[in-house]
Amino acid sequence: MTTVPLAYYGVHTLGPENFLCALLRWEERGRIIPVWLPPVEGSRLAVADAEWDPDRPDSHDLLTEIIERSTSGVKSIEISSYYNGTFVATVELEDGEEYDARLSDALILASKLNLLVDADEAVLNQASMWISESDAHEFFGLDLPETNNEEETSASGDAKADADFASLMRSMGVDASDIAIDLQGTDDTDVTDGSNGVEDDKDEI
């Protein structure tokens, strides 16, 4: 099994419905995983990214404290599988114990522990999509680093794939004017079947 470290580009608000999306990127290939988040988890992730401390600890703060005080720490957080629009993450502790988690919870934990999220390359090949620099700027306000991607015009080797991301966004009614700045001040899903644009409750473990 080959794993790939992913760059994290924050939480963004998209579309007239204000969907929350975490953006992960396979830097070497210039491919992204947009993770559509439920409102509560999306807000918590944005708050964690902003390093804002609530008056009282929430469940993720409690989990982080238990890990730090009661274990030798987290070795890795990995997107381990993808099926029918739902991602499953695996949190591996330094002692070898592994726990399944929703990707939204895993992203919050990674933010609090300052860890990168890895992904199984098979998952990336199945669920990631190529994004052009112009789409990254239009939809997320991001100037992404250049890649050494030698693929012709698309991630799949077919000319249609380089329009996949823009088509996905526009099918949701997203226009450049609908993009809101996230809590980090920069200019962050599970890729669903397109039915509702947010992470489904079915990925509860």
Protein backbone atom coordinates (compact mmCIF):
# COMPACT_ATOMS: atom_id res chain seq x y z
CA MET A 1 0.00 0.00 0.00
CA THR A 2 1.40 3.39 -1.06
CA THR A 3 0.41 6.48 0.88
CA VAL A 4 0.74 10.07 -0.26
CA PRO A 5 0.95 13.15 2.01
CA LEU A 6 -1.69 15.76 1.19
CA ALA A 7 -1.43 19.52 1.48
CA TYR A 8 -4.32 21.16 3.31
CA TYR A 9 -5.77 24.41 1.95
CA GLY A 10 -8.35 25.31 4.56
CA VAL A 11 -12.14 25.51 4.77
CA HIS A 12 -14.08 27.49 2.18
CA THR A 13 -17.74 28.46 1.84
CA LEU A 14 -19.17 27.72 -1.58
CA GLY A 15 -22.34 28.44 -3.46
CA PRO A 16 -25.62 30.13 -2.60
CA GLU A 17 -26.31 27.36 -0.04
CA ASN A 18 -23.01 28.16 1.75
CA PHE A 19 -21.70 24.60 1.56
CA LEU A 20 -18.49 24.12 3.57
CA CYS A 21 -15.62 22.48 1.75
CA ALA A 22 -12.17 21.44 2.98
CA LEU A 23 -9.60 21.32 0.21
CA LEU A 24 -6.83 18.71 0.17
CA ARG A 25 -4.30 18.49 -2.65
CA TRP A 26 -2.00 15.84 -4.05
CA GLU A 27 0.76 18.30 -4.84
CA GLU A 28 2.87 16.09 -7.08
CA ARG A 29 -0.01 15.44 -9.46
CA GLY A 30 -1.95 18.68 -9.09
CA ARG A 31 -5.09 16.77 -8.08
CA ILE A 32 -7.50 17.71 -5.31
CA ILE A 33 -9.97 16.09 -2.95
CA PRO A 34 -12.79 18.49 -2.06
CA VAL A 35 -14.26 17.31 1.25
CA TRP A 36 -17.86 18.48 1.69
CA LEU A 37 -18.44 19.01 5.39
CA PRO A 38 -21.57 19.09 7.56
CA PRO A 39 -22.17 22.60 8.97
CA VAL A 40 -21.14 21.83 12.56
CA GLU A 41 -17.96 19.92 11.71
CA GLY A 42 -17.06 22.42 9.00
CA SER A 43 -17.36 25.30 11.44
CA ARG A 44 -15.33 23.43 14.06
CA LEU A 45 -12.56 22.75 11.54
CA ALA A 46 -12.46 26.39 10.47
CA VAL A 47 -12.29 27.45 14.12
CA ALA A 48 -9.50 24.94 14.81
CA ASP A 49 -7.57 26.27 11.80
CA ALA A 50 -7.94 29.79 13.17
CA GLU A 51 -6.56 28.57 16.54
CA TRP A 52 -9.52 30.08 18.35
CA ASP A 53 -10.11 28.62 21.83
CA PRO A 54 -13.73 28.25 22.95
CA ASP A 55 -14.74 28.99 26.54
CA ARG A 56 -15.30 25.30 27.16
CA PRO A 57 -13.58 22.35 25.42
CA ASP A 58 -15.63 20.46 22.85
CA SER A 59 -15.45 16.75 22.05
CA HIS A 60 -12.46 17.19 19.74
CA ASP A 61 -10.56 19.13 22.40
CA LEU A 62 -11.30 16.32 24.87
CA LEU A 63 -10.14 13.66 22.40
CA THR A 64 -6.94 15.58 21.71
CA GLU A 65 -6.20 15.94 25.43
CA ILE A 66 -6.83 12.22 26.06
CA ILE A 67 -4.48 11.29 23.21
CA GLU A 68 -1.75 13.63 24.44
CA ARG A 69 -2.01 12.56 28.09
CA SER A 70 -2.81 8.87 27.80
CA THR A 71 -0.97 7.62 24.71
CA SER A 72 2.40 7.95 23.04
CA GLY A 73 0.77 10.11 20.38
CA VAL A 74 -0.65 9.82 16.89
CA LYS A 75 1.63 8.31 14.25
CA SER A 76 -0.51 9.08 11.22
CA ILE A 77 -3.93 10.15 10.00
CA GLU A 78 -4.82 8.59 6.68
CA ILE A 79 -7.70 8.55 4.22
CA SER A 80 -7.83 4.78 3.96
CA SER A 81 -10.89 4.04 1.83
CA TYR A 82 -13.57 5.57 -0.33
CA TYR A 83 -16.87 3.98 -1.30
CA ASN A 84 -20.04 5.38 -2.83
CA GLY A 85 -19.21 8.98 -2.00
CA THR A 86 -17.99 8.34 1.55
CA PHE A 87 -14.44 8.51 2.84
CA VAL A 88 -13.14 6.57 5.85
CA ALA A 89 -10.08 7.80 7.71
CA THR A 90 -7.74 5.76 9.90
CA VAL A 91 -6.04 7.25 12.95
CA GLU A 92 -2.95 5.23 13.88
CA LEU A 93 -1.32 5.71 17.27
CA GLU A 94 2.40 5.35 17.87
CA ASP A 95 1.77 2.02 19.65
CA GLY A 96 0.20 0.60 16.50
CA GLU A 97 -3.46 0.82 17.54
CA GLU A 98 -5.74 1.96 14.69
CA TYR A 99 -9.18 3.59 14.80
CA ASP A 100 -11.64 4.30 12.00
CA ALA A 101 -12.99 7.86 11.87
CA ARG A 102 -15.12 10.13 9.77
CA LEU A 103 -12.92 12.25 7.55
CA SER A 104 -14.38 15.45 9.00
CA ASP A 105 -13.35 14.37 12.53
CA ALA A 106 -9.94 13.23 11.30
CA LEU A 107 -9.32 16.64 9.70
CA ILE A 108 -10.20 18.44 12.94
CA LEU A 109 -7.89 16.12 14.89
CA ALA A 110 -5.08 16.68 12.38
CA SER A 111 -5.51 20.43 12.70
CA LYS A 112 -5.38 20.31 16.51
CA LEU A 113 -2.33 18.01 16.50
CA ASN A 114 -0.63 19.87 13.64
CA LEU A 115 -0.35 16.72 11.51
CA LEU A 116 -0.48 16.15 7.77
CA VAL A 117 -3.20 13.90 6.38
CA ASP A 118 -2.02 11.07 4.14
CA ALA A 119 -4.09 9.13 1.62
CA ASP A 120 -3.88 5.70 0.08
CA GLU A 121 -2.83 6.23 -3.54
CA ALA A 122 -5.62 3.90 -4.68
CA VAL A 123 -8.14 6.22 -2.99
CA LEU A 124 -6.58 9.25 -4.67
CA ASN A 125 -6.75 7.61 -8.08
CA GLN A 126 -10.42 6.85 -7.48
CA ALA A 127 -11.66 10.02 -5.83
CA SER A 128 -9.34 12.92 -6.66
CA MET A 129 -9.72 15.28 -9.60
CA TRP A 130 -7.41 17.52 -11.55
CA ILE A 131 -7.79 21.25 -11.04
CA SER A 132 -6.36 24.00 -13.19
CA GLU A 133 -4.66 27.03 -11.70
CA SER A 134 -7.43 29.23 -13.08
CA ASP A 135 -10.17 27.13 -11.41
CA ALA A 136 -8.25 27.13 -8.13
CA HIS A 137 -8.09 30.91 -8.26
CA GLU A 138 -11.69 31.38 -9.45
CA PHE A 139 -13.42 29.05 -7.01
CA PHE A 140 -11.10 29.16 -3.98
CA GLY A 141 -9.04 32.31 -4.38
CA LEU A 142 -5.90 30.16 -4.23
CA ASP A 143 -2.65 30.52 -6.13
CA LEU A 144 -1.50 26.91 -6.09
CA PRO A 145 2.16 25.95 -6.52
CA GLU A 146 3.17 24.56 -9.88
CA THR A 147 3.46 20.80 -10.27
CA ASN A 148 5.58 18.56 -12.42
CA ASN A 149 2.46 16.84 -13.69
CA GLU A 150 3.17 15.63 -17.21
CA GLU A 151 -0.35 14.42 -17.91
CA GLU A 152 -1.65 15.82 -21.16
CA THR A 153 -4.74 17.85 -20.47
CA SER A 154 -6.41 15.99 -17.65
CA ALA A 155 -5.89 13.71 -14.71
CA SER A 156 -7.52 10.78 -16.48
CA GLY A 157 -5.79 11.21 -19.82
CA ASP A 158 -9.02 12.37 -21.43
CA ALA A 159 -9.72 15.93 -22.47
CA LYS A 160 -13.02 16.03 -20.58
CA ALA A 161 -11.45 15.53 -17.16
CA ASP A 162 -9.83 18.94 -16.97
CA ALA A 163 -13.36 20.41 -16.88
CA ASP A 164 -14.60 18.04 -14.14
CA PHE A 165 -14.03 20.41 -11.27
CA ALA A 166 -15.59 23.42 -12.94
CA SER A 167 -18.59 21.30 -13.95
CA LEU A 168 -18.99 20.07 -10.39
CA MET A 169 -18.91 23.60 -9.03
CA ARG A 170 -21.31 24.97 -11.60
CA SER A 171 -23.73 22.07 -11.12
CA MET A 172 -24.03 23.31 -7.53
CA GLY A 173 -24.77 26.81 -8.74
CA VAL A 174 -21.37 28.06 -7.63
CA ASP A 175 -20.07 31.22 -9.22
CA ALA A 176 -16.86 33.06 -8.41
CA SER A 177 -18.94 35.74 -6.67
CA ASP A 178 -20.35 33.08 -4.31
CA ILE A 179 -16.97 32.30 -2.74
CA ALA A 180 -16.53 33.53 0.84
CA ILE A 181 -13.21 34.00 2.62
CA ASP A 182 -12.55 31.37 5.27
CA LEU A 183 -11.69 32.02 8.92
CA GLN A 184 -7.96 31.79 8.19
CA GLY A 185 -8.20 34.86 5.99
CA THR A 186 -6.83 33.09 2.93
CA ASP A 187 -7.94 33.85 -0.77
CA ASP A 188 -12.03 22.88 2.93
CA THR A 189 -15.26 16.80 1.75
CA ASP A 190 -16.23 14.02 1.07
CA VAL A 191 -16.96 13.89 -2.66
CA THR A 192 -20.57 12.90 -2.65
CA ASP A 193 -22.84 11.56 -5.32
CA GLY A 194 -23.94 15.13 -5.91
CA SER A 195 -27.30 14.72 -4.21
CA ASN A 196 -26.88 17.23 -1.42
CA GLY A 197 -23.32 18.57 -1.44
CA VAL A 198 -22.53 17.65 2.18
CA GLU A 199 -21.03 14.72 3.97
CA ASP A 200 -23.69 12.08 4.57
CA ASP A 201 -24.52 10.72 8.01
CA LYS A 202 -23.81 7.26 6.65
CA ASP A 203 -20.10 7.77 7.23
CA GLU A 204 -20.58 7.69 10.99
CA ILE A 205 -18.46 4.88 12.36
